[in-house]
Amino acid sequence: MKMIIPQALVRRTITLSAIPDGSDGIKATLALMVRLAKNSKNSFAVREKAMELVADVPQKSYFNEIKALFEFIRDHIRYTMDINEVETVATPEQTLAYAQGDCDDKALLLASLLESIGHPARFVAVGSKPDDYSHVLVETRMMFPGGKIKWIPLETTEPVPVGWYPPDMPYRLVYNVET
């Protein structure tokens, strides 16, 4: 009997690697996310999706571009937890294909979409205690009237607006995509 393997299955790859426990593991995961975002911002699929999402936004309406990308991730990428006791990080292309992922997958996709159309992005791990980070979100930098530059939080796992930041999460670990 001849077996036929769908092309979609042939192209799937998975890389397993060990990461340390605690904050060193968070740092290793964030560093991986930065590498994946840098690669994926140049991906045809990612840029094509970003351009599709902002196609109806007036040109140079940067806040509305950010909002369109953010709302797509928040509203159309389902939050799904990782494998029990296993940290997984999906590429932005995988998250787009499955239309689901956890906070790091959604953040990675959003950062890649933002970067692909010129909006700087960074990952922010947040926690309620020092060196105990339990969540990651994206921030993007924007210039406001009067020339003031500000980083705007983009929380995609809750039904919240652009600019909302998780309460009681004063501890932050920031990794820029652009550096």
N, C-alpha and C. Protein backbone atom coordinates (compact mmCIF):
# COMPACT_ATOMS: atom_id res chain seq x y z
N MET A 1 0.84 -1.18 0.00
CA MET A 1 0.00 0.00 0.00
C MET A 1 0.88 1.24 0.00
N LYS A 2 0.56 2.17 -0.86
CA LYS A 2 1.31 3.41 -0.97
C LYS A 2 0.71 4.44 -0.01
N MET A 3 1.58 5.14 0.71
CA MET A 3 1.12 6.16 1.64
C MET A 3 1.32 7.54 1.02
N ILE A 4 0.32 8.37 1.11
CA ILE A 4 0.40 9.74 0.62
C ILE A 4 0.49 10.66 1.83
N ILE A 5 1.53 11.47 1.86
CA ILE A 5 1.71 12.42 2.96
C ILE A 5 1.39 13.80 2.44
N PRO A 6 0.37 14.47 3.00
CA PRO A 6 0.04 15.82 2.55
C PRO A 6 1.24 16.75 2.69
N GLN A 7 1.41 17.64 1.70
CA GLN A 7 2.52 18.58 1.71
C GLN A 7 2.56 19.41 2.99
N ALA A 8 1.40 19.76 3.50
CA ALA A 8 1.38 20.57 4.72
C ALA A 8 2.10 19.85 5.86
N LEU A 9 1.99 18.52 5.90
CA LEU A 9 2.65 17.76 6.96
C LEU A 9 4.15 17.66 6.71
N VAL A 10 4.56 17.58 5.47
CA VAL A 10 5.97 17.47 5.15
C VAL A 10 6.73 18.72 5.59
N ARG A 11 6.13 19.87 5.46
CA ARG A 11 6.81 21.13 5.77
C ARG A 11 6.83 21.46 7.26
N ARG A 12 6.10 20.77 8.05
CA ARG A 12 6.08 21.06 9.48
C ARG A 12 7.36 20.58 10.12
N THR A 13 7.96 21.45 10.89
CA THR A 13 9.14 21.07 11.64
C THR A 13 8.95 21.50 13.08
N ILE A 14 9.64 20.82 13.93
CA ILE A 14 9.59 21.16 15.35
C ILE A 14 11.01 21.04 15.88
N THR A 15 11.38 21.97 16.71
CA THR A 15 12.70 21.95 17.32
C THR A 15 12.50 21.87 18.82
N LEU A 16 13.11 20.90 19.42
CA LEU A 16 13.04 20.76 20.87
C LEU A 16 14.37 21.19 21.47
N SER A 17 14.29 21.98 22.52
CA SER A 17 15.50 22.37 23.22
C SER A 17 15.16 22.60 24.67
N ALA A 18 16.14 22.43 25.50
CA ALA A 18 15.93 22.64 26.93
C ALA A 18 16.13 24.12 27.26
N ILE A 19 15.30 24.62 28.15
CA ILE A 19 15.50 25.97 28.65
C ILE A 19 15.59 25.88 30.17
N PRO A 20 16.34 26.78 30.77
CA PRO A 20 16.46 26.75 32.22
C PRO A 20 15.15 27.11 32.91
N ASP A 21 15.06 26.80 34.17
CA ASP A 21 13.90 27.19 34.96
C ASP A 21 14.01 28.66 35.35
N GLY A 22 12.89 29.21 35.80
CA GLY A 22 12.86 30.54 36.37
C GLY A 22 13.10 31.65 35.37
N SER A 23 13.66 32.75 35.87
CA SER A 23 13.84 33.93 35.03
C SER A 23 14.83 33.69 33.89
N ASP A 24 15.78 32.78 34.07
CA ASP A 24 16.71 32.46 32.96
C ASP A 24 15.94 31.81 31.81
N GLY A 25 14.94 31.01 32.12
CA GLY A 25 14.11 30.41 31.09
C GLY A 25 13.26 31.45 30.38
N ILE A 26 12.76 32.42 31.13
CA ILE A 26 11.98 33.51 30.53
C ILE A 26 12.87 34.30 29.58
N LYS A 27 14.10 34.60 30.02
CA LYS A 27 15.04 35.34 29.18
C LYS A 27 15.37 34.56 27.91
N ALA A 28 15.55 33.26 28.02
CA ALA A 28 15.85 32.43 26.85
C ALA A 28 14.66 32.42 25.89
N THR A 29 13.46 32.35 26.43
CA THR A 29 12.25 32.37 25.59
C THR A 29 12.10 33.71 24.89
N LEU A 30 12.32 34.81 25.61
CA LEU A 30 12.24 36.14 25.01
C LEU A 30 13.30 36.33 23.92
N ALA A 31 14.50 35.83 24.15
CA ALA A 31 15.56 35.93 23.13
C ALA A 31 15.16 35.16 21.88
N LEU A 32 14.56 33.98 22.06
CA LEU A 32 14.07 33.20 20.92
C LEU A 32 12.97 33.97 20.18
N MET A 33 12.07 34.58 20.92
CA MET A 33 10.98 35.35 20.31
C MET A 33 11.53 36.52 19.49
N VAL A 34 12.56 37.18 19.99
CA VAL A 34 13.19 38.28 19.24
C VAL A 34 13.76 37.76 17.93
N ARG A 35 14.49 36.64 17.98
CA ARG A 35 15.06 36.05 16.75
C ARG A 35 13.96 35.69 15.76
N LEU A 36 12.88 35.07 16.24
CA LEU A 36 11.79 34.68 15.34
C LEU A 36 11.09 35.90 14.76
N ALA A 37 10.91 36.95 15.57
CA ALA A 37 10.26 38.17 15.06
C ALA A 37 11.12 38.84 14.00
N LYS A 38 12.43 38.88 14.21
CA LYS A 38 13.33 39.48 13.22
C LYS A 38 13.25 38.73 11.90
N ASN A 39 13.18 37.40 11.97
CA ASN A 39 13.08 36.60 10.75
C ASN A 39 11.71 36.75 10.10
N SER A 40 10.67 36.70 10.90
CA SER A 40 9.31 36.65 10.36
C SER A 40 8.80 37.99 9.86
N LYS A 41 9.39 39.09 10.32
CA LYS A 41 8.92 40.39 9.82
C LYS A 41 9.20 40.52 8.32
N ASN A 42 10.12 39.72 7.81
CA ASN A 42 10.45 39.71 6.38
C ASN A 42 9.70 38.61 5.62
N SER A 43 8.90 37.84 6.30
CA SER A 43 8.15 36.76 5.68
C SER A 43 7.05 37.32 4.78
N PHE A 44 6.94 36.75 3.59
CA PHE A 44 5.88 37.18 2.67
C PHE A 44 4.50 37.02 3.31
N ALA A 45 4.26 35.90 3.97
CA ALA A 45 2.94 35.63 4.57
C ALA A 45 2.61 36.65 5.66
N VAL A 46 3.60 37.02 6.45
CA VAL A 46 3.37 37.98 7.53
C VAL A 46 3.12 39.37 6.96
N ARG A 47 3.97 39.82 6.06
CA ARG A 47 3.78 41.16 5.47
C ARG A 47 2.47 41.24 4.69
N GLU A 48 2.16 40.17 3.95
CA GLU A 48 0.92 40.16 3.19
C GLU A 48 -0.29 40.29 4.13
N LYS A 49 -0.26 39.57 5.26
CA LYS A 49 -1.37 39.65 6.22
C LYS A 49 -1.46 41.05 6.82
N ALA A 50 -0.32 41.63 7.17
CA ALA A 50 -0.32 42.99 7.74
C ALA A 50 -0.91 43.98 6.74
N MET A 51 -0.49 43.89 5.49
CA MET A 51 -1.00 44.82 4.48
C MET A 51 -2.49 44.61 4.23
N GLU A 52 -2.93 43.37 4.28
CA GLU A 52 -4.36 43.08 4.14
C GLU A 52 -5.15 43.73 5.28
N LEU A 53 -4.62 43.62 6.49
CA LEU A 53 -5.33 44.14 7.68
C LEU A 53 -5.40 45.66 7.72
N VAL A 54 -4.44 46.33 7.10
CA VAL A 54 -4.45 47.81 7.13
C VAL A 54 -4.91 48.41 5.80
N ALA A 55 -5.35 47.59 4.88
CA ALA A 55 -5.70 48.08 3.53
C ALA A 55 -6.76 49.18 3.57
N ASP A 56 -7.70 49.12 4.49
CA ASP A 56 -8.77 50.12 4.55
C ASP A 56 -8.48 51.27 5.51
N VAL A 57 -7.31 51.25 6.13
CA VAL A 57 -6.92 52.32 7.05
C VAL A 57 -6.34 53.47 6.22
N PRO A 58 -6.75 54.71 6.47
CA PRO A 58 -6.17 55.83 5.72
C PRO A 58 -4.64 55.84 5.85
N GLN A 59 -3.97 56.18 4.75
CA GLN A 59 -2.51 56.17 4.79
C GLN A 59 -1.97 57.15 5.83
N LYS A 60 -0.87 56.76 6.44
CA LYS A 60 -0.19 57.52 7.49
C LYS A 60 -1.03 57.70 8.75
N SER A 61 -2.06 56.89 8.90
CA SER A 61 -2.86 56.87 10.13
C SER A 61 -2.28 55.75 11.01
N TYR A 62 -1.11 56.04 11.57
CA TYR A 62 -0.32 55.00 12.22
C TYR A 62 -1.01 54.38 13.42
N PHE A 63 -1.68 55.19 14.24
CA PHE A 63 -2.40 54.62 15.38
C PHE A 63 -3.45 53.62 14.90
N ASN A 64 -4.16 53.96 13.83
CA ASN A 64 -5.19 53.05 13.31
C ASN A 64 -4.60 51.80 12.68
N GLU A 65 -3.40 51.89 12.12
CA GLU A 65 -2.71 50.69 11.64
C GLU A 65 -2.42 49.76 12.82
N ILE A 66 -1.84 50.33 13.88
CA ILE A 66 -1.53 49.55 15.08
C ILE A 66 -2.80 48.91 15.63
N LYS A 67 -3.85 49.70 15.72
CA LYS A 67 -5.12 49.22 16.25
C LYS A 67 -5.69 48.07 15.40
N ALA A 68 -5.60 48.18 14.08
CA ALA A 68 -6.13 47.13 13.19
C ALA A 68 -5.37 45.81 13.41
N LEU A 69 -4.05 45.87 13.52
CA LEU A 69 -3.27 44.65 13.74
C LEU A 69 -3.57 44.07 15.12
N PHE A 70 -3.59 44.93 16.13
CA PHE A 70 -3.88 44.51 17.50
C PHE A 70 -5.25 43.84 17.60
N GLU A 71 -6.27 44.47 17.03
CA GLU A 71 -7.63 43.91 17.13
C GLU A 71 -7.76 42.58 16.39
N PHE A 72 -7.03 42.42 15.30
CA PHE A 72 -7.05 41.14 14.60
C PHE A 72 -6.51 40.04 15.51
N ILE A 73 -5.37 40.27 16.12
CA ILE A 73 -4.78 39.25 17.01
C ILE A 73 -5.70 39.01 18.20
N ARG A 74 -6.15 40.07 18.82
CA ARG A 74 -7.01 39.95 20.01
C ARG A 74 -8.29 39.19 19.70
N ASP A 75 -8.92 39.50 18.55
CA ASP A 75 -10.25 38.98 18.27
C ASP A 75 -10.30 37.75 17.38
N HIS A 76 -9.23 37.48 16.63
CA HIS A 76 -9.30 36.38 15.66
C HIS A 76 -8.25 35.29 15.84
N ILE A 77 -7.34 35.47 16.79
CA ILE A 77 -6.39 34.41 17.12
C ILE A 77 -6.80 33.90 18.51
N ARG A 78 -7.28 32.67 18.53
CA ARG A 78 -7.82 32.09 19.77
C ARG A 78 -6.69 31.83 20.76
N TYR A 79 -6.92 32.19 22.02
CA TYR A 79 -5.94 31.86 23.06
C TYR A 79 -6.07 30.38 23.39
N THR A 80 -4.96 29.68 23.25
CA THR A 80 -4.88 28.26 23.59
C THR A 80 -3.60 28.05 24.40
N MET A 81 -3.73 27.39 25.54
CA MET A 81 -2.57 27.17 26.41
C MET A 81 -1.55 26.23 25.75
N ASP A 82 -0.32 26.31 26.26
CA ASP A 82 0.74 25.40 25.83
C ASP A 82 0.44 23.98 26.28
N ILE A 83 1.23 23.05 25.79
CA ILE A 83 1.20 21.67 26.27
C ILE A 83 1.46 21.71 27.78
N ASN A 84 0.77 20.89 28.53
CA ASN A 84 0.95 20.88 29.97
C ASN A 84 2.41 20.69 30.35
N GLU A 85 2.95 21.64 31.11
CA GLU A 85 4.32 21.65 31.61
C GLU A 85 5.39 21.68 30.52
N VAL A 86 5.03 22.17 29.33
CA VAL A 86 5.99 22.32 28.23
C VAL A 86 5.80 23.71 27.64
N GLU A 87 6.88 24.49 27.59
CA GLU A 87 6.83 25.81 26.95
C GLU A 87 6.99 25.62 25.45
N THR A 88 6.02 26.11 24.69
CA THR A 88 6.13 26.05 23.25
C THR A 88 6.08 27.47 22.69
N VAL A 89 6.79 27.67 21.58
CA VAL A 89 6.76 28.94 20.88
C VAL A 89 6.56 28.62 19.41
N ALA A 90 5.45 29.10 18.86
CA ALA A 90 5.15 28.87 17.45
C ALA A 90 5.66 30.06 16.63
N THR A 91 6.06 29.79 15.40
CA THR A 91 6.43 30.90 14.52
C THR A 91 5.17 31.70 14.20
N PRO A 92 5.33 32.95 13.81
CA PRO A 92 4.16 33.73 13.42
C PRO A 92 3.37 33.08 12.28
N GLU A 93 4.08 32.46 11.35
CA GLU A 93 3.40 31.79 10.24
C GLU A 93 2.54 30.63 10.74
N GLN A 94 3.05 29.88 11.72
CA GLN A 94 2.27 28.79 12.30
C GLN A 94 1.06 29.32 13.04
N THR A 95 1.24 30.39 13.80
CA THR A 95 0.11 30.97 14.54
C THR A 95 -0.95 31.48 13.59
N LEU A 96 -0.54 32.08 12.48
CA LEU A 96 -1.51 32.50 11.46
C LEU A 96 -2.25 31.30 10.89
N ALA A 97 -1.52 30.23 10.58
CA ALA A 97 -2.13 29.05 9.98
C ALA A 97 -3.13 28.38 10.92
N TYR A 98 -2.77 28.27 12.20
CA TYR A 98 -3.66 27.62 13.17
C TYR A 98 -4.70 28.56 13.75
N ALA A 99 -4.46 29.86 13.65
CA ALA A 99 -5.33 30.90 14.23
C ALA A 99 -5.53 30.69 15.72
N GLN A 100 -4.45 30.24 16.39
CA GLN A 100 -4.50 30.10 17.84
C GLN A 100 -3.09 29.98 18.41
N GLY A 101 -2.98 30.30 19.69
CA GLY A 101 -1.72 30.22 20.39
C GLY A 101 -1.84 30.85 21.76
N ASP A 102 -0.78 30.73 22.57
CA ASP A 102 -0.82 31.33 23.90
C ASP A 102 -0.27 32.75 23.83
N CYS A 103 0.02 33.35 24.98
CA CYS A 103 0.42 34.76 24.99
C CYS A 103 1.70 35.00 24.21
N ASP A 104 2.68 34.09 24.29
CA ASP A 104 3.91 34.35 23.54
C ASP A 104 3.70 34.19 22.04
N ASP A 105 2.85 33.26 21.64
CA ASP A 105 2.56 33.09 20.21
C ASP A 105 1.82 34.30 19.65
N LYS A 106 0.83 34.79 20.39
CA LYS A 106 0.07 35.96 19.95
C LYS A 106 0.96 37.20 19.94
N ALA A 107 1.81 37.36 20.95
CA ALA A 107 2.72 38.49 21.01
C ALA A 107 3.73 38.45 19.86
N LEU A 108 4.25 37.28 19.59
CA LEU A 108 5.23 37.11 18.51
C LEU A 108 4.61 37.44 17.15
N LEU A 109 3.40 36.98 16.92
CA LEU A 109 2.72 37.30 15.67
C LEU A 109 2.47 38.81 15.57
N LEU A 110 1.99 39.43 16.63
CA LEU A 110 1.72 40.86 16.59
C LEU A 110 3.00 41.66 16.36
N ALA A 111 4.06 41.32 17.05
CA ALA A 111 5.33 42.03 16.87
C ALA A 111 5.81 41.91 15.42
N SER A 112 5.69 40.73 14.85
CA SER A 112 6.13 40.52 13.46
C SER A 112 5.27 41.31 12.49
N LEU A 113 3.96 41.32 12.69
CA LEU A 113 3.06 42.10 11.83
C LEU A 113 3.41 43.59 11.93
N LEU A 114 3.58 44.09 13.15
CA LEU A 114 3.91 45.50 13.35
C LEU A 114 5.23 45.85 12.64
N GLU A 115 6.26 45.06 12.91
CA GLU A 115 7.57 45.32 12.33
C GLU A 115 7.53 45.25 10.80
N SER A 116 6.69 44.37 10.26
CA SER A 116 6.65 44.19 8.79
C SER A 116 6.13 45.42 8.06
N ILE A 117 5.43 46.31 8.78
CA ILE A 117 4.96 47.55 8.14
C ILE A 117 5.53 48.79 8.84
N GLY A 118 6.67 48.60 9.50
CA GLY A 118 7.44 49.74 9.99
C GLY A 118 7.21 50.21 11.40
N HIS A 119 6.42 49.49 12.21
CA HIS A 119 6.18 49.89 13.59
C HIS A 119 7.13 49.12 14.51
N PRO A 120 8.00 49.81 15.25
CA PRO A 120 8.91 49.12 16.17
C PRO A 120 8.12 48.37 17.24
N ALA A 121 8.66 47.22 17.63
CA ALA A 121 7.98 46.41 18.65
C ALA A 121 8.98 45.90 19.67
N ARG A 122 8.46 45.64 20.85
CA ARG A 122 9.27 44.99 21.88
C ARG A 122 8.37 44.07 22.69
N PHE A 123 9.00 43.05 23.28
CA PHE A 123 8.28 42.11 24.13
C PHE A 123 8.48 42.54 25.58
N VAL A 124 7.42 42.46 26.37
CA VAL A 124 7.48 42.81 27.77
C VAL A 124 6.92 41.65 28.59
N ALA A 125 7.81 40.98 29.31
CA ALA A 125 7.37 39.95 30.26
C ALA A 125 6.99 40.69 31.53
N VAL A 126 5.86 40.34 32.11
CA VAL A 126 5.37 41.04 33.29
C VAL A 126 5.11 40.05 34.42
N GLY A 127 5.22 40.56 35.65
CA GLY A 127 4.97 39.73 36.81
C GLY A 127 4.63 40.55 38.02
N SER A 128 4.11 39.89 39.03
CA SER A 128 3.72 40.57 40.27
C SER A 128 4.84 40.56 41.31
N LYS A 129 5.88 39.75 41.06
CA LYS A 129 7.03 39.68 41.97
C LYS A 129 8.32 39.75 41.16
N PRO A 130 9.40 40.20 41.78
CA PRO A 130 10.67 40.25 41.05
C PRO A 130 11.08 38.87 40.52
N ASP A 131 11.55 38.83 39.30
CA ASP A 131 12.03 37.60 38.66
C ASP A 131 10.99 36.48 38.60
N ASP A 132 9.70 36.85 38.65
CA ASP A 132 8.63 35.86 38.55
C ASP A 132 7.64 36.35 37.49
N TYR A 133 8.04 36.20 36.24
CA TYR A 133 7.24 36.70 35.12
C TYR A 133 6.27 35.62 34.66
N SER A 134 5.01 36.00 34.53
CA SER A 134 3.98 35.01 34.20
C SER A 134 3.26 35.28 32.89
N HIS A 135 3.63 36.37 32.21
CA HIS A 135 2.89 36.75 31.01
C HIS A 135 3.77 37.61 30.12
N VAL A 136 3.47 37.62 28.82
CA VAL A 136 4.21 38.48 27.89
C VAL A 136 3.22 39.21 26.99
N LEU A 137 3.53 40.46 26.71
CA LEU A 137 2.73 41.27 25.80
C LEU A 137 3.68 42.07 24.92
N VAL A 138 3.11 42.78 23.97
CA VAL A 138 3.90 43.60 23.05
C VAL A 138 3.68 45.06 23.37
N GLU A 139 4.71 45.86 23.15
CA GLU A 139 4.57 47.31 23.15
C GLU A 139 5.11 47.80 21.81
N THR A 140 4.50 48.86 21.30
CA THR A 140 4.99 49.50 20.08
C THR A 140 5.20 50.97 20.35
N ARG A 141 6.19 51.54 19.68
CA ARG A 141 6.54 52.94 19.88
C ARG A 141 5.81 53.81 18.86
N MET A 142 5.28 54.93 19.36
CA MET A 142 4.55 55.83 18.49
C MET A 142 4.83 57.27 18.88
N MET A 143 4.86 58.14 17.86
CA MET A 143 5.02 59.57 18.11
C MET A 143 3.64 60.21 18.17
N PHE A 144 3.41 60.98 19.20
CA PHE A 144 2.14 61.66 19.39
C PHE A 144 2.27 63.12 19.00
N PRO A 145 1.13 63.81 18.83
CA PRO A 145 1.19 65.25 18.51
C PRO A 145 2.07 65.98 19.51
N GLY A 146 2.84 66.91 18.99
CA GLY A 146 3.78 67.63 19.84
C GLY A 146 5.14 66.97 19.89
N GLY A 147 5.29 65.83 19.20
CA GLY A 147 6.57 65.14 19.14
C GLY A 147 6.88 64.20 20.27
N LYS A 148 5.92 63.98 21.18
CA LYS A 148 6.15 63.07 22.30
C LYS A 148 6.14 61.63 21.80
N ILE A 149 7.18 60.87 22.16
CA ILE A 149 7.28 59.46 21.77
C ILE A 149 6.94 58.61 22.99
N LYS A 150 6.10 57.61 22.77
CA LYS A 150 5.65 56.77 23.88
C LYS A 150 5.52 55.32 23.41
N TRP A 151 5.85 54.38 24.30
CA TRP A 151 5.61 52.96 24.05
C TRP A 151 4.19 52.63 24.51
N ILE A 152 3.43 51.98 23.64
CA ILE A 152 2.03 51.67 23.91
C ILE A 152 1.88 50.16 24.14
N PRO A 153 1.31 49.74 25.29
CA PRO A 153 1.10 48.31 25.51
C PRO A 153 -0.05 47.77 24.65
N LEU A 154 0.13 46.52 24.21
CA LEU A 154 -0.86 45.85 23.37
C LEU A 154 -1.10 44.46 23.95
N GLU A 155 -2.11 44.34 24.77
CA GLU A 155 -2.47 43.08 25.45
C GLU A 155 -3.51 42.35 24.62
N THR A 156 -3.12 41.22 24.03
CA THR A 156 -4.00 40.53 23.08
C THR A 156 -4.76 39.34 23.66
N THR A 157 -4.56 39.02 24.92
CA THR A 157 -5.23 37.84 25.47
C THR A 157 -6.50 38.18 26.27
N GLU A 158 -6.79 39.45 26.37
CA GLU A 158 -7.98 39.91 27.10
C GLU A 158 -8.78 40.87 26.21
N PRO A 159 -10.08 41.01 26.44
CA PRO A 159 -10.89 41.94 25.63
C PRO A 159 -10.72 43.38 26.10
N VAL A 160 -9.54 43.92 25.85
CA VAL A 160 -9.18 45.26 26.32
C VAL A 160 -8.72 46.12 25.14
N PRO A 161 -8.72 47.45 25.31
CA PRO A 161 -8.32 48.34 24.21
C PRO A 161 -6.80 48.50 24.12
N VAL A 162 -6.37 49.08 23.02
CA VAL A 162 -4.98 49.49 22.86
C VAL A 162 -4.61 50.37 24.05
N GLY A 163 -3.44 50.15 24.62
CA GLY A 163 -2.97 50.97 25.73
C GLY A 163 -3.23 50.40 27.10
N TRP A 164 -4.04 49.34 27.19
CA TRP A 164 -4.33 48.73 28.50
C TRP A 164 -3.11 47.95 28.96
N TYR A 165 -2.83 48.01 30.25
CA TYR A 165 -1.70 47.29 30.84
C TYR A 165 -2.22 46.47 32.01
N PRO A 166 -1.77 45.22 32.16
CA PRO A 166 -2.28 44.38 33.24
C PRO A 166 -2.05 44.99 34.62
N PRO A 167 -3.10 45.07 35.43
CA PRO A 167 -2.93 45.65 36.77
C PRO A 167 -2.11 44.72 37.66
N ASP A 168 -1.51 45.29 38.67
CA ASP A 168 -0.74 44.53 39.65
C ASP A 168 0.40 43.72 39.03
N MET A 169 0.98 44.25 37.96
CA MET A 169 2.12 43.62 37.30
C MET A 169 3.25 44.65 37.18
N PRO A 170 3.83 45.07 38.30
CA PRO A 170 4.82 46.15 38.25
C PRO A 170 6.20 45.73 37.74
N TYR A 171 6.47 44.44 37.73
CA TYR A 171 7.80 43.99 37.33
C TYR A 171 7.80 43.65 35.84
N ARG A 172 8.83 44.17 35.15
CA ARG A 172 8.89 44.08 33.69
C ARG A 172 10.28 43.63 33.26
N LEU A 173 10.30 42.85 32.21
CA LEU A 173 11.53 42.45 31.55
C LEU A 173 11.32 42.74 30.07
N VAL A 174 12.09 43.67 29.50
CA VAL A 174 11.84 44.17 28.15
C VAL A 174 12.92 43.68 27.17
N TYR A 175 12.47 43.15 26.03
CA TYR A 175 13.37 42.73 24.94
C TYR A 175 12.89 43.40 23.66
N ASN A 176 13.74 44.26 23.09
CA ASN A 176 13.39 44.95 21.85
C ASN A 176 13.63 44.05 20.64
N VAL A 177 12.73 44.13 19.68
CA VAL A 177 12.91 43.39 18.43
C VAL A 177 13.95 44.09 17.57
N GLU A 178 13.96 45.41 17.59
CA GLU A 178 14.78 46.18 16.66
C GLU A 178 16.27 46.19 16.99
N THR A 179 16.69 45.76 18.15
CA THR A 179 18.12 45.81 18.48
C THR A 179 18.80 44.50 18.26
